[in-house]
Amino acid sequence: MPVFALVVARGRPNKLTLTKSTGDSQLKFGNGVLNAVGVDIATLAKFLSEGQTGRPVVDMTGLKEKYDFHLEWTPDTSQNSLPADSGANQQQADAGGISIFTALQQQLGLKLDARTDAADRLVVVRAELPSAN
């Protein structure tokens, strides 16, 4: 199925800061702003999969450490309906803003590559209303 591979752009993620936090991971999100403290890249990929890109995101960075980062972009209201060959749509955002794709590359040194890969999905084959007892 169509997925995005989260990879390191241009050789290394020079814009990620290793965390100095010894506490629990914190991920705060609101209207195109993401603040993370002590978050691993697998968690970022999961966040991106949940409504930010319109596809599952698979972490292929090879980065295992935890990082602190700040990410800002302009939310795209059509992002959940990207077509399978969405390469042309990846750089677009609402009304001249910055897309999540561009923000990841410029602000974190990471990149989303469109690929076809295996991904987990839940398929509901049949659903019924409960019977009256």
N, C-alpha and C. Protein backbone atom coordinates (compact mmCIF):
# COMPACT_ATOMS: atom_id res chain seq x y z
N MET A 1 0.84 -1.18 0.00
CA MET A 1 0.00 0.00 0.00
C MET A 1 0.88 1.24 0.00
N PRO A 2 0.37 2.38 -0.41
CA PRO A 2 1.15 3.61 -0.39
C PRO A 2 1.46 4.04 1.05
N VAL A 3 2.72 4.33 1.31
CA VAL A 3 3.17 4.81 2.62
C VAL A 3 4.17 5.93 2.39
N PHE A 4 4.52 6.61 3.46
CA PHE A 4 5.64 7.53 3.44
C PHE A 4 6.74 6.94 4.30
N ALA A 5 7.94 6.91 3.77
CA ALA A 5 9.11 6.49 4.54
C ALA A 5 9.74 7.75 5.13
N LEU A 6 9.88 7.77 6.45
CA LEU A 6 10.55 8.88 7.11
C LEU A 6 12.05 8.57 7.10
N VAL A 7 12.81 9.39 6.38
CA VAL A 7 14.24 9.15 6.21
C VAL A 7 15.01 10.42 6.58
N VAL A 8 16.31 10.26 6.75
CA VAL A 8 17.18 11.40 7.02
C VAL A 8 17.47 12.11 5.70
N ALA A 9 17.29 13.42 5.68
CA ALA A 9 17.55 14.21 4.47
C ALA A 9 19.01 14.66 4.46
N ARG A 10 19.59 14.64 3.30
CA ARG A 10 20.95 15.16 3.09
C ARG A 10 21.99 14.60 4.04
N GLY A 11 21.97 13.30 4.28
CA GLY A 11 23.05 12.66 5.03
C GLY A 11 22.91 12.53 6.52
N ARG A 12 22.43 13.57 7.21
CA ARG A 12 22.27 13.45 8.66
C ARG A 12 21.24 14.46 9.18
N PRO A 13 20.62 14.14 10.31
CA PRO A 13 19.59 15.03 10.86
C PRO A 13 20.21 16.14 11.70
N ASN A 14 20.91 17.07 11.08
CA ASN A 14 21.65 18.09 11.80
C ASN A 14 20.78 19.09 12.53
N LYS A 15 19.48 18.96 12.43
CA LYS A 15 18.61 19.93 13.09
C LYS A 15 17.84 19.33 14.26
N LEU A 16 18.19 18.10 14.65
CA LEU A 16 17.59 17.47 15.81
C LEU A 16 18.55 17.62 16.99
N THR A 17 18.02 17.89 18.18
CA THR A 17 18.83 18.05 19.37
C THR A 17 18.59 16.87 20.30
N LEU A 18 19.67 16.17 20.67
CA LEU A 18 19.52 15.08 21.64
C LEU A 18 18.95 15.64 22.93
N THR A 19 18.01 14.92 23.53
CA THR A 19 17.35 15.41 24.73
C THR A 19 18.28 15.37 25.94
N LYS A 20 18.07 16.29 26.84
CA LYS A 20 18.76 16.29 28.12
C LYS A 20 17.79 15.93 29.22
N SER A 21 16.53 15.71 28.83
CA SER A 21 15.48 15.38 29.79
C SER A 21 15.64 13.95 30.28
N THR A 22 15.43 13.76 31.56
CA THR A 22 15.46 12.41 32.13
C THR A 22 14.06 11.93 32.50
N GLY A 23 13.08 12.78 32.27
CA GLY A 23 11.70 12.44 32.59
C GLY A 23 11.00 11.75 31.44
N ASP A 24 9.68 11.66 31.55
CA ASP A 24 8.86 11.05 30.51
C ASP A 24 8.86 11.90 29.25
N SER A 25 8.63 11.26 28.12
CA SER A 25 8.51 11.96 26.84
C SER A 25 7.28 12.85 26.85
N GLN A 26 7.39 14.01 26.20
CA GLN A 26 6.28 14.94 26.09
C GLN A 26 6.10 15.32 24.63
N LEU A 27 4.88 15.18 24.15
CA LEU A 27 4.56 15.54 22.78
C LEU A 27 3.31 16.41 22.83
N LYS A 28 3.46 17.70 22.51
CA LYS A 28 2.34 18.63 22.56
C LYS A 28 2.08 19.15 21.16
N PHE A 29 0.82 19.05 20.73
CA PHE A 29 0.43 19.42 19.37
C PHE A 29 -0.77 20.33 19.40
N GLY A 30 -0.75 21.33 18.51
CA GLY A 30 -1.90 22.21 18.36
C GLY A 30 -1.80 23.04 17.11
N ASN A 31 -2.73 22.91 16.20
CA ASN A 31 -2.88 23.74 15.00
C ASN A 31 -1.58 24.04 14.27
N GLY A 32 -0.90 23.01 13.83
CA GLY A 32 0.30 23.19 13.04
C GLY A 32 1.57 23.46 13.82
N VAL A 33 1.56 23.17 15.11
CA VAL A 33 2.75 23.33 15.95
C VAL A 33 2.92 22.05 16.76
N LEU A 34 4.14 21.53 16.75
CA LEU A 34 4.46 20.31 17.50
C LEU A 34 5.69 20.59 18.35
N ASN A 35 5.56 20.43 19.66
CA ASN A 35 6.68 20.56 20.58
C ASN A 35 6.95 19.20 21.20
N ALA A 36 8.20 18.76 21.14
CA ALA A 36 8.56 17.44 21.65
C ALA A 36 9.76 17.55 22.58
N VAL A 37 9.68 16.82 23.69
CA VAL A 37 10.79 16.72 24.64
C VAL A 37 11.00 15.25 24.93
N GLY A 38 12.19 14.75 24.64
CA GLY A 38 12.51 13.35 24.91
C GLY A 38 11.72 12.37 24.07
N VAL A 39 11.51 12.69 22.80
CA VAL A 39 10.68 11.87 21.91
C VAL A 39 11.56 11.16 20.90
N ASP A 40 11.29 9.87 20.68
CA ASP A 40 12.04 9.14 19.65
C ASP A 40 11.38 9.32 18.29
N ILE A 41 12.11 8.97 17.24
CA ILE A 41 11.62 9.20 15.88
C ILE A 41 10.47 8.26 15.53
N ALA A 42 10.43 7.08 16.14
CA ALA A 42 9.30 6.17 15.92
C ALA A 42 7.99 6.81 16.39
N THR A 43 8.04 7.54 17.48
CA THR A 43 6.85 8.25 17.98
C THR A 43 6.46 9.37 17.03
N LEU A 44 7.45 10.08 16.50
CA LEU A 44 7.16 11.11 15.50
C LEU A 44 6.49 10.50 14.28
N ALA A 45 6.98 9.36 13.80
CA ALA A 45 6.38 8.69 12.64
C ALA A 45 4.94 8.30 12.93
N LYS A 46 4.68 7.81 14.13
CA LYS A 46 3.30 7.45 14.51
C LYS A 46 2.41 8.69 14.51
N PHE A 47 2.91 9.80 15.05
CA PHE A 47 2.15 11.05 15.05
C PHE A 47 1.82 11.47 13.62
N LEU A 48 2.80 11.40 12.73
CA LEU A 48 2.60 11.79 11.34
C LEU A 48 1.59 10.89 10.64
N SER A 49 1.54 9.63 11.05
CA SER A 49 0.60 8.67 10.46
C SER A 49 -0.84 8.97 10.85
N GLU A 50 -1.02 9.57 11.99
CA GLU A 50 -2.36 9.78 12.55
C GLU A 50 -2.96 11.10 12.09
N GLY A 51 -3.17 11.24 10.80
CA GLY A 51 -3.92 12.38 10.28
C GLY A 51 -3.10 13.54 9.76
N GLN A 52 -1.77 13.46 9.79
CA GLN A 52 -0.97 14.59 9.33
C GLN A 52 -0.57 14.45 7.86
N THR A 53 -0.48 13.23 7.35
CA THR A 53 0.03 13.02 5.99
C THR A 53 -0.95 12.31 5.06
N GLY A 54 -1.98 11.68 5.61
CA GLY A 54 -2.92 10.96 4.78
C GLY A 54 -2.49 9.54 4.46
N ARG A 55 -1.35 9.11 4.98
CA ARG A 55 -0.83 7.76 4.75
C ARG A 55 -0.10 7.27 6.00
N PRO A 56 0.09 5.98 6.10
CA PRO A 56 0.98 5.48 7.18
C PRO A 56 2.40 5.99 6.95
N VAL A 57 3.10 6.30 8.03
CA VAL A 57 4.49 6.74 7.96
C VAL A 57 5.34 5.69 8.65
N VAL A 58 6.36 5.19 7.93
CA VAL A 58 7.24 4.16 8.44
C VAL A 58 8.59 4.78 8.75
N ASP A 59 9.07 4.62 9.99
CA ASP A 59 10.36 5.17 10.39
C ASP A 59 11.48 4.35 9.75
N MET A 60 12.22 4.96 8.84
CA MET A 60 13.36 4.32 8.19
C MET A 60 14.62 5.17 8.38
N THR A 61 14.66 5.94 9.47
CA THR A 61 15.80 6.82 9.73
C THR A 61 16.97 6.06 10.34
N GLY A 62 16.69 5.01 11.10
CA GLY A 62 17.74 4.31 11.83
C GLY A 62 18.15 5.03 13.10
N LEU A 63 17.47 6.12 13.44
CA LEU A 63 17.78 6.90 14.64
C LEU A 63 17.06 6.30 15.84
N LYS A 64 17.80 5.97 16.88
CA LYS A 64 17.22 5.31 18.05
C LYS A 64 17.20 6.21 19.29
N GLU A 65 17.87 7.35 19.24
CA GLU A 65 17.95 8.24 20.39
C GLU A 65 16.64 9.01 20.58
N LYS A 66 16.57 9.74 21.69
CA LYS A 66 15.42 10.62 21.95
C LYS A 66 15.87 12.05 21.75
N TYR A 67 14.93 12.87 21.23
CA TYR A 67 15.26 14.23 20.83
C TYR A 67 14.26 15.24 21.38
N ASP A 68 14.70 16.50 21.42
CA ASP A 68 13.83 17.64 21.68
C ASP A 68 13.74 18.39 20.36
N PHE A 69 12.53 18.77 19.96
CA PHE A 69 12.39 19.54 18.72
C PHE A 69 11.10 20.32 18.71
N HIS A 70 11.07 21.31 17.83
CA HIS A 70 9.91 22.16 17.61
C HIS A 70 9.65 22.16 16.11
N LEU A 71 8.41 21.94 15.72
CA LEU A 71 8.05 21.88 14.31
C LEU A 71 6.82 22.74 14.08
N GLU A 72 6.86 23.59 13.04
CA GLU A 72 5.71 24.43 12.68
C GLU A 72 5.42 24.30 11.20
N TRP A 73 4.13 24.17 10.87
CA TRP A 73 3.69 24.10 9.48
C TRP A 73 2.27 24.61 9.40
N THR A 74 1.79 24.81 8.17
CA THR A 74 0.41 25.23 7.96
C THR A 74 -0.41 23.98 7.67
N PRO A 75 -1.36 23.64 8.54
CA PRO A 75 -2.18 22.45 8.30
C PRO A 75 -2.91 22.54 6.97
N ASP A 76 -2.94 21.44 6.25
CA ASP A 76 -3.60 21.34 4.95
C ASP A 76 -4.89 20.55 5.16
N THR A 77 -6.02 21.19 4.92
CA THR A 77 -7.31 20.53 5.17
C THR A 77 -7.57 19.37 4.23
N SER A 78 -6.87 19.29 3.13
CA SER A 78 -7.07 18.18 2.19
C SER A 78 -6.04 17.07 2.39
N GLN A 79 -5.22 17.15 3.45
CA GLN A 79 -4.13 16.20 3.64
C GLN A 79 -4.58 14.76 3.83
N ASN A 80 -5.78 14.52 4.27
CA ASN A 80 -6.25 13.15 4.46
C ASN A 80 -6.77 12.52 3.18
N SER A 81 -6.77 13.27 2.09
CA SER A 81 -7.29 12.72 0.84
C SER A 81 -6.26 12.79 -0.28
N LEU A 82 -4.98 12.66 0.06
CA LEU A 82 -3.94 12.69 -0.96
C LEU A 82 -4.06 11.49 -1.87
N PRO A 83 -3.95 11.67 -3.18
CA PRO A 83 -3.98 10.53 -4.08
C PRO A 83 -2.72 9.70 -3.95
N ALA A 84 -2.73 8.49 -4.50
CA ALA A 84 -1.60 7.57 -4.38
C ALA A 84 -0.31 8.16 -4.92
N ASP A 85 -0.38 8.95 -5.98
CA ASP A 85 0.83 9.57 -6.54
C ASP A 85 0.88 11.04 -6.13
N SER A 86 0.95 11.30 -4.85
CA SER A 86 0.80 12.66 -4.32
C SER A 86 2.07 13.47 -4.36
N GLY A 87 3.06 13.07 -5.10
CA GLY A 87 4.31 13.81 -5.15
C GLY A 87 4.12 15.29 -5.43
N ALA A 88 3.21 15.63 -6.32
CA ALA A 88 2.97 17.03 -6.65
C ALA A 88 2.32 17.76 -5.49
N ASN A 89 1.55 17.05 -4.66
CA ASN A 89 0.85 17.68 -3.55
C ASN A 89 1.71 17.82 -2.31
N GLN A 90 2.86 17.16 -2.26
CA GLN A 90 3.66 17.16 -1.05
C GLN A 90 4.17 18.55 -0.69
N GLN A 91 4.43 19.40 -1.63
CA GLN A 91 4.99 20.70 -1.34
C GLN A 91 3.93 21.78 -1.16
N GLN A 92 2.66 21.43 -1.33
CA GLN A 92 1.60 22.42 -1.22
C GLN A 92 1.09 22.52 0.21
N ALA A 93 0.71 23.68 0.61
CA ALA A 93 0.06 23.90 1.89
C ALA A 93 -1.01 24.96 1.68
N ASP A 94 -1.81 25.18 2.69
CA ASP A 94 -2.88 26.16 2.59
C ASP A 94 -2.32 27.57 2.41
N ALA A 95 -2.86 28.31 1.46
CA ALA A 95 -2.65 29.75 1.29
C ALA A 95 -1.22 30.21 1.52
N GLY A 96 -0.27 29.61 0.83
CA GLY A 96 1.10 30.09 0.89
C GLY A 96 1.87 29.67 2.12
N GLY A 97 1.31 28.85 2.98
CA GLY A 97 2.03 28.40 4.18
C GLY A 97 3.00 27.28 3.85
N ILE A 98 3.66 26.78 4.86
CA ILE A 98 4.64 25.72 4.70
C ILE A 98 3.97 24.37 5.00
N SER A 99 4.20 23.39 4.14
CA SER A 99 3.58 22.06 4.33
C SER A 99 4.35 21.28 5.38
N ILE A 100 3.75 20.22 5.89
CA ILE A 100 4.41 19.33 6.85
C ILE A 100 5.65 18.71 6.21
N PHE A 101 5.60 18.45 4.90
CA PHE A 101 6.72 17.85 4.18
C PHE A 101 7.93 18.78 4.17
N THR A 102 7.68 20.04 3.84
CA THR A 102 8.74 21.05 3.80
C THR A 102 9.25 21.34 5.21
N ALA A 103 8.35 21.45 6.17
CA ALA A 103 8.73 21.73 7.55
C ALA A 103 9.65 20.65 8.11
N LEU A 104 9.33 19.39 7.86
CA LEU A 104 10.18 18.31 8.34
C LEU A 104 11.60 18.43 7.79
N GLN A 105 11.70 18.73 6.52
CA GLN A 105 13.01 18.81 5.88
C GLN A 105 13.79 20.04 6.34
N GLN A 106 13.16 21.19 6.37
CA GLN A 106 13.85 22.43 6.73
C GLN A 106 14.14 22.54 8.22
N GLN A 107 13.19 22.10 9.05
CA GLN A 107 13.31 22.33 10.48
C GLN A 107 13.93 21.16 11.25
N LEU A 108 13.82 19.93 10.73
CA LEU A 108 14.35 18.77 11.45
C LEU A 108 15.41 17.99 10.68
N GLY A 109 15.54 18.26 9.39
CA GLY A 109 16.50 17.50 8.59
C GLY A 109 16.01 16.11 8.26
N LEU A 110 14.69 15.93 8.25
CA LEU A 110 14.07 14.64 7.91
C LEU A 110 13.23 14.83 6.66
N LYS A 111 12.93 13.72 5.99
CA LYS A 111 12.19 13.79 4.74
C LYS A 111 11.19 12.65 4.66
N LEU A 112 10.04 12.93 4.05
CA LEU A 112 9.03 11.90 3.78
C LEU A 112 9.11 11.51 2.31
N ASP A 113 9.46 10.25 2.05
CA ASP A 113 9.52 9.72 0.68
C ASP A 113 8.31 8.85 0.42
N ALA A 114 7.60 9.10 -0.69
CA ALA A 114 6.46 8.27 -1.07
C ALA A 114 6.98 6.92 -1.57
N ARG A 115 6.45 5.85 -0.99
CA ARG A 115 6.84 4.49 -1.36
C ARG A 115 5.64 3.57 -1.26
N THR A 116 5.85 2.35 -1.70
CA THR A 116 4.85 1.29 -1.50
C THR A 116 5.49 0.28 -0.57
N ASP A 117 4.78 -0.08 0.50
CA ASP A 117 5.33 -0.99 1.50
C ASP A 117 4.18 -1.65 2.23
N ALA A 118 4.51 -2.62 3.05
CA ALA A 118 3.50 -3.26 3.90
C ALA A 118 3.20 -2.33 5.07
N ALA A 119 1.95 -2.25 5.46
CA ALA A 119 1.55 -1.43 6.61
C ALA A 119 0.33 -2.07 7.25
N ASP A 120 0.22 -1.91 8.56
CA ASP A 120 -0.93 -2.44 9.29
C ASP A 120 -2.15 -1.58 9.03
N ARG A 121 -3.27 -2.24 8.80
CA ARG A 121 -4.55 -1.57 8.62
C ARG A 121 -5.64 -2.41 9.27
N LEU A 122 -6.66 -1.76 9.76
CA LEU A 122 -7.82 -2.44 10.32
C LEU A 122 -8.92 -2.37 9.28
N VAL A 123 -9.44 -3.54 8.90
CA VAL A 123 -10.51 -3.62 7.91
C VAL A 123 -11.75 -4.20 8.58
N VAL A 124 -12.84 -3.46 8.57
CA VAL A 124 -14.10 -3.93 9.13
C VAL A 124 -14.88 -4.59 7.99
N VAL A 125 -15.12 -5.89 8.12
CA VAL A 125 -15.81 -6.63 7.09
C VAL A 125 -17.31 -6.55 7.29
N ARG A 126 -17.74 -6.57 8.54
CA ARG A 126 -19.16 -6.53 8.82
C ARG A 126 -19.40 -5.91 10.19
N ALA A 127 -20.47 -5.14 10.32
CA ALA A 127 -20.86 -4.54 11.59
C ALA A 127 -22.37 -4.62 11.72
N GLU A 128 -22.83 -4.93 12.91
CA GLU A 128 -24.26 -5.03 13.17
C GLU A 128 -24.59 -4.28 14.45
N LEU A 129 -25.81 -3.77 14.53
CA LEU A 129 -26.30 -3.19 15.77
C LEU A 129 -26.51 -4.31 16.78
N PRO A 130 -26.32 -4.04 18.06
CA PRO A 130 -26.55 -5.09 19.06
C PRO A 130 -28.04 -5.45 19.13
N SER A 131 -28.28 -6.71 19.42
CA SER A 131 -29.68 -7.16 19.52
C SER A 131 -30.26 -6.75 20.86
N ALA A 132 -31.58 -6.53 20.88
CA ALA A 132 -32.26 -6.17 22.12
C ALA A 132 -32.41 -7.39 23.00
N ASN A 133 -32.07 -7.26 24.25
CA ASN A 133 -32.17 -8.41 25.17
C ASN A 133 -33.48 -8.42 25.86
